[in-house]
Amino acid sequence: MIKSSYELEMERDMLQDALDKCNPNDEARIQELQDRLDIVEADLELDPDDF
């Protein structure tokens, strides 16, 4: 399923918020959130007209 830009922006904000509140010692959780955030940001850079 392709998400809309709005949905991706909401997910990006949620992930960023989770990263900001994450325990700095929980490296596995930080890496998981950062990986998901990278994917969302890459999806946001795609032009919807390409599909």
PDB file of N, CA and C in Angstrom:
ATOM      1  N   MET A   1       0.834  -1.179   0.000  1.00  0.00           N
ATOM      2  CA  MET A   1       0.000   0.000   0.000  1.00  0.00           C
ATOM      3  C   MET A   1       0.885   1.250   0.000  1.00  0.00           C
ATOM      4  N   ILE A   2       0.587   2.168  -0.858  1.00  0.00           N
ATOM      5  CA  ILE A   2       1.322   3.412  -0.920  1.00  0.00           C
ATOM      6  C   ILE A   2       0.648   4.427   0.009  1.00  0.00           C
ATOM      7  N   LYS A   3       1.445   5.023   0.863  1.00  0.00           N
ATOM      8  CA  LYS A   3       0.910   6.003   1.811  1.00  0.00           C
ATOM      9  C   LYS A   3       0.950   7.390   1.179  1.00  0.00           C
ATOM     10  N   SER A   4       0.020   8.220   1.589  1.00  0.00           N
ATOM     11  CA  SER A   4       0.007   9.604   1.119  1.00  0.00           C
ATOM     12  C   SER A   4       1.122  10.386   1.815  1.00  0.00           C
ATOM     13  N   SER A   5       1.468  11.520   1.244  1.00  0.00           N
ATOM     14  CA  SER A   5       2.487  12.379   1.859  1.00  0.00           C
ATOM     15  C   SER A   5       2.085  12.757   3.273  1.00  0.00           C
ATOM     16  N   TYR A   6       0.785  13.012   3.453  1.00  0.00           N
ATOM     17  CA  TYR A   6       0.278  13.378   4.787  1.00  0.00           C
ATOM     18  C   TYR A   6       0.546  12.250   5.777  1.00  0.00           C
ATOM     19  N   GLU A   7       0.241  11.002   5.379  1.00  0.00           N
ATOM     20  CA  GLU A   7       0.457   9.851   6.268  1.00  0.00           C
ATOM     21  C   GLU A   7       1.937   9.676   6.584  1.00  0.00           C
ATOM     22  N   LEU A   8       2.785   9.860   5.559  1.00  0.00           N
ATOM     23  CA  LEU A   8       4.219   9.722   5.774  1.00  0.00           C
ATOM     24  C   LEU A   8       4.746  10.810   6.711  1.00  0.00           C
ATOM     25  N   GLU A   9       4.239  12.032   6.556  1.00  0.00           N
ATOM     26  CA  GLU A   9       4.669  13.111   7.444  1.00  0.00           C
ATOM     27  C   GLU A   9       4.231  12.846   8.878  1.00  0.00           C
ATOM     28  N   MET A  10       3.035  12.320   9.048  1.00  0.00           N
ATOM     29  CA  MET A  10       2.550  11.977  10.392  1.00  0.00           C
ATOM     30  C   MET A  10       3.441  10.887  11.003  1.00  0.00           C
ATOM     31  N   GLU A  11       3.770   9.869  10.199  1.00  0.00           N
ATOM     32  CA  GLU A  11       4.621   8.786  10.692  1.00  0.00           C
ATOM     33  C   GLU A  11       6.018   9.305  11.037  1.00  0.00           C
ATOM     34  N   ARG A  12       6.538  10.199  10.184  1.00  0.00           N
ATOM     35  CA  ARG A  12       7.858  10.780  10.440  1.00  0.00           C
ATOM     36  C   ARG A  12       7.843  11.542  11.763  1.00  0.00           C
ATOM     37  N   ASP A  13       6.815  12.343  11.993  1.00  0.00           N
ATOM     38  CA  ASP A  13       6.723  13.111  13.229  1.00  0.00           C
ATOM     39  C   ASP A  13       6.617  12.193  14.440  1.00  0.00           C
ATOM     40  N   MET A  14       5.854  11.110  14.309  1.00  0.00           N
ATOM     41  CA  MET A  14       5.691  10.159  15.404  1.00  0.00           C
ATOM     42  C   MET A  14       7.031   9.478  15.721  1.00  0.00           C
ATOM     43  N   LEU A  15       7.749   9.063  14.677  1.00  0.00           N
ATOM     44  CA  LEU A  15       9.039   8.409  14.884  1.00  0.00           C
ATOM     45  C   LEU A  15      10.047   9.369  15.496  1.00  0.00           C
ATOM     46  N   GLN A  16      10.054  10.614  15.026  1.00  0.00           N
ATOM     47  CA  GLN A  16      10.987  11.601  15.567  1.00  0.00           C
ATOM     48  C   GLN A  16      10.678  11.862  17.034  1.00  0.00           C
ATOM     49  N   ASP A  17       9.393  11.943  17.367  1.00  0.00           N
ATOM     50  CA  ASP A  17       8.976  12.151  18.749  1.00  0.00           C
ATOM     51  C   ASP A  17       9.413  10.971  19.621  1.00  0.00           C
ATOM     52  N   ALA A  18       9.232   9.757  19.093  1.00  0.00           N
ATOM     53  CA  ALA A  18       9.642   8.563  19.835  1.00  0.00           C
ATOM     54  C   ALA A  18      11.154   8.564  20.055  1.00  0.00           C
ATOM     55  N   LEU A  19      11.905   8.980  19.033  1.00  0.00           N
ATOM     56  CA  LEU A  19      13.361   9.057  19.177  1.00  0.00           C
ATOM     57  C   LEU A  19      13.750  10.075  20.244  1.00  0.00           C
ATOM     58  N   ASP A  20      13.068  11.212  20.249  1.00  0.00           N
ATOM     59  CA  ASP A  20      13.375  12.259  21.224  1.00  0.00           C
ATOM     60  C   ASP A  20      13.123  11.796  22.655  1.00  0.00           C
ATOM     61  N   LYS A  21      12.117  10.935  22.848  1.00  0.00           N
ATOM     62  CA  LYS A  21      11.746  10.478  24.185  1.00  0.00           C
ATOM     63  C   LYS A  21      12.428   9.169  24.584  1.00  0.00           C
ATOM     64  N   CYS A  22      13.137   8.556  23.634  1.00  0.00           N
ATOM     65  CA  CYS A  22      13.747   7.246  23.853  1.00  0.00           C
ATOM     66  C   CYS A  22      14.892   7.328  24.869  1.00  0.00           C
ATOM     67  N   ASN A  23      15.031   6.270  25.640  1.00  0.00           N
ATOM     68  CA  ASN A  23      16.140   6.153  26.574  1.00  0.00           C
ATOM     69  C   ASN A  23      17.447   6.170  25.769  1.00  0.00           C
ATOM     70  N   PRO A  24      18.349   7.119  26.043  1.00  0.00           N
ATOM     71  CA  PRO A  24      19.584   7.212  25.259  1.00  0.00           C
ATOM     72  C   PRO A  24      20.478   5.973  25.365  1.00  0.00           C
ATOM     73  N   ASN A  25      20.243   5.143  26.362  1.00  0.00           N
ATOM     74  CA  ASN A  25      21.039   3.926  26.525  1.00  0.00           C
ATOM     75  C   ASN A  25      20.459   2.740  25.755  1.00  0.00           C
ATOM     76  N   ASP A  26      19.265   2.892  25.198  1.00  0.00           N
ATOM     77  CA  ASP A  26      18.602   1.798  24.483  1.00  0.00           C
ATOM     78  C   ASP A  26      18.982   1.863  22.998  1.00  0.00           C
ATOM     79  N   GLU A  27      20.212   1.447  22.711  1.00  0.00           N
ATOM     80  CA  GLU A  27      20.748   1.604  21.361  1.00  0.00           C
ATOM     81  C   GLU A  27      19.973   0.809  20.316  1.00  0.00           C
ATOM     82  N   ALA A  28      19.475  -0.366  20.676  1.00  0.00           N
ATOM     83  CA  ALA A  28      18.723  -1.184  19.720  1.00  0.00           C
ATOM     84  C   ALA A  28      17.432  -0.472  19.314  1.00  0.00           C
ATOM     85  N   ARG A  29      16.738   0.094  20.275  1.00  0.00           N
ATOM     86  CA  ARG A  29      15.494   0.819  19.988  1.00  0.00           C
ATOM     87  C   ARG A  29      15.777   2.072  19.154  1.00  0.00           C
ATOM     88  N   ILE A  30      16.827   2.797  19.504  1.00  0.00           N
ATOM     89  CA  ILE A  30      17.203   3.996  18.748  1.00  0.00           C
ATOM     90  C   ILE A  30      17.509   3.621  17.301  1.00  0.00           C
ATOM     91  N   GLN A  31      18.255   2.535  17.094  1.00  0.00           N
ATOM     92  CA  GLN A  31      18.609   2.117  15.737  1.00  0.00           C
ATOM     93  C   GLN A  31      17.364   1.713  14.955  1.00  0.00           C
ATOM     94  N   GLU A  32      16.453   0.987  15.606  1.00  0.00           N
ATOM     95  CA  GLU A  32      15.209   0.571  14.944  1.00  0.00           C
ATOM     96  C   GLU A  32      14.400   1.795  14.517  1.00  0.00           C
ATOM     97  N   LEU A  33      14.239   2.752  15.417  1.00  0.00           N
ATOM     98  CA  LEU A  33      13.482   3.966  15.098  1.00  0.00           C
ATOM     99  C   LEU A  33      14.172   4.763  13.994  1.00  0.00           C
ATOM    100  N   GLN A  34      15.500   4.858  14.057  1.00  0.00           N
ATOM    101  CA  GLN A  34      16.236   5.619  13.049  1.00  0.00           C
ATOM    102  C   GLN A  34      16.114   4.958  11.677  1.00  0.00           C
ATOM    103  N   ASP A  35      16.175   3.629  11.648  1.00  0.00           N
ATOM    104  CA  ASP A  35      16.023   2.907  10.379  1.00  0.00           C
ATOM    105  C   ASP A  35      14.648   3.162   9.778  1.00  0.00           C
ATOM    106  N   ARG A  36      13.610   3.088  10.603  1.00  0.00           N
ATOM    107  CA  ARG A  36      12.244   3.344  10.114  1.00  0.00           C
ATOM    108  C   ARG A  36      12.105   4.786   9.650  1.00  0.00           C
ATOM    109  N   LEU A  37      12.708   5.716  10.385  1.00  0.00           N
ATOM    110  CA  LEU A  37      12.656   7.128  10.018  1.00  0.00           C
ATOM    111  C   LEU A  37      13.348   7.364   8.675  1.00  0.00           C
ATOM    112  N   ASP A  38      14.475   6.693   8.454  1.00  0.00           N
ATOM    113  CA  ASP A  38      15.188   6.823   7.179  1.00  0.00           C
ATOM    114  C   ASP A  38      14.317   6.354   6.020  1.00  0.00           C
ATOM    115  N   ILE A  39      13.595   5.255   6.219  1.00  0.00           N
ATOM    116  CA  ILE A  39      12.718   4.716   5.173  1.00  0.00           C
ATOM    117  C   ILE A  39      11.585   5.692   4.871  1.00  0.00           C
ATOM    118  N   VAL A  40      10.966   6.231   5.921  1.00  0.00           N
ATOM    119  CA  VAL A  40       9.866   7.182   5.740  1.00  0.00           C
ATOM    120  C   VAL A  40      10.361   8.425   5.000  1.00  0.00           C
ATOM    121  N   GLU A  41      11.535   8.930   5.398  1.00  0.00           N
ATOM    122  CA  GLU A  41      12.057  10.127   4.749  1.00  0.00           C
ATOM    123  C   GLU A  41      12.403   9.851   3.288  1.00  0.00           C
ATOM    124  N   ALA A  42      12.906   8.656   2.986  1.00  0.00           N
ATOM    125  CA  ALA A  42      13.185   8.297   1.598  1.00  0.00           C
ATOM    126  C   ALA A  42      11.884   8.226   0.798  1.00  0.00           C
ATOM    127  N   ASP A  43      10.838   7.672   1.402  1.00  0.00           N
ATOM    128  CA  ASP A  43       9.536   7.600   0.730  1.00  0.00           C
ATOM    129  C   ASP A  43       8.984   9.000   0.460  1.00  0.00           C
ATOM    130  N   LEU A  44       9.211   9.929   1.378  1.00  0.00           N
ATOM    131  CA  LEU A  44       8.730  11.298   1.204  1.00  0.00           C
ATOM    132  C   LEU A  44       9.421  11.985   0.029  1.00  0.00           C
ATOM    133  N   GLU A  45      10.661  11.573  -0.242  1.00  0.00           N
ATOM    134  CA  GLU A  45      11.406  12.191  -1.343  1.00  0.00           C
ATOM    135  C   GLU A  45      10.965  11.686  -2.706  1.00  0.00           C
ATOM    136  N   LEU A  46      10.276  10.557  -2.741  1.00  0.00           N
ATOM    137  CA  LEU A  46       9.789  10.032  -4.016  1.00  0.00           C
ATOM    138  C   LEU A  46       8.680  10.918  -4.550  1.00  0.00           C
ATOM    139  N   ASP A  47       8.685  11.108  -5.828  1.00  0.00           N
ATOM    140  CA  ASP A  47       7.645  11.919  -6.469  1.00  0.00           C
ATOM    141  C   ASP A  47       6.455  11.012  -6.772  1.00  0.00           C
ATOM    142  N   PRO A  48       5.274  11.327  -6.243  1.00  0.00           N
ATOM    143  CA  PRO A  48       4.104  10.475  -6.472  1.00  0.00           C
ATOM    144  C   PRO A  48       3.758  10.338  -7.962  1.00  0.00           C
ATOM    145  N   ASP A  49       4.207  11.278  -8.785  1.00  0.00           N
ATOM    146  CA  ASP A  49       3.920  11.190 -10.226  1.00  0.00           C
ATOM    147  C   ASP A  49       4.717  10.069 -10.893  1.00  0.00           C
ATOM    148  N   ASP A  50       5.688   9.514 -10.185  1.00  0.00           N
ATOM    149  CA  ASP A  50       6.485   8.418 -10.749  1.00  0.00           C
ATOM    150  C   ASP A  50       5.715   7.100 -10.777  1.00  0.00           C
ATOM    151  N   PHE A  51       4.577   7.054 -10.101  1.00  0.00           N
ATOM    152  CA  PHE A  51       3.840   5.790  -9.991  1.00  0.00           C
ATOM    153  C   PHE A  51       2.692   5.741 -10.969  1.00  0.00           C
TER     154      PHE A  51
END
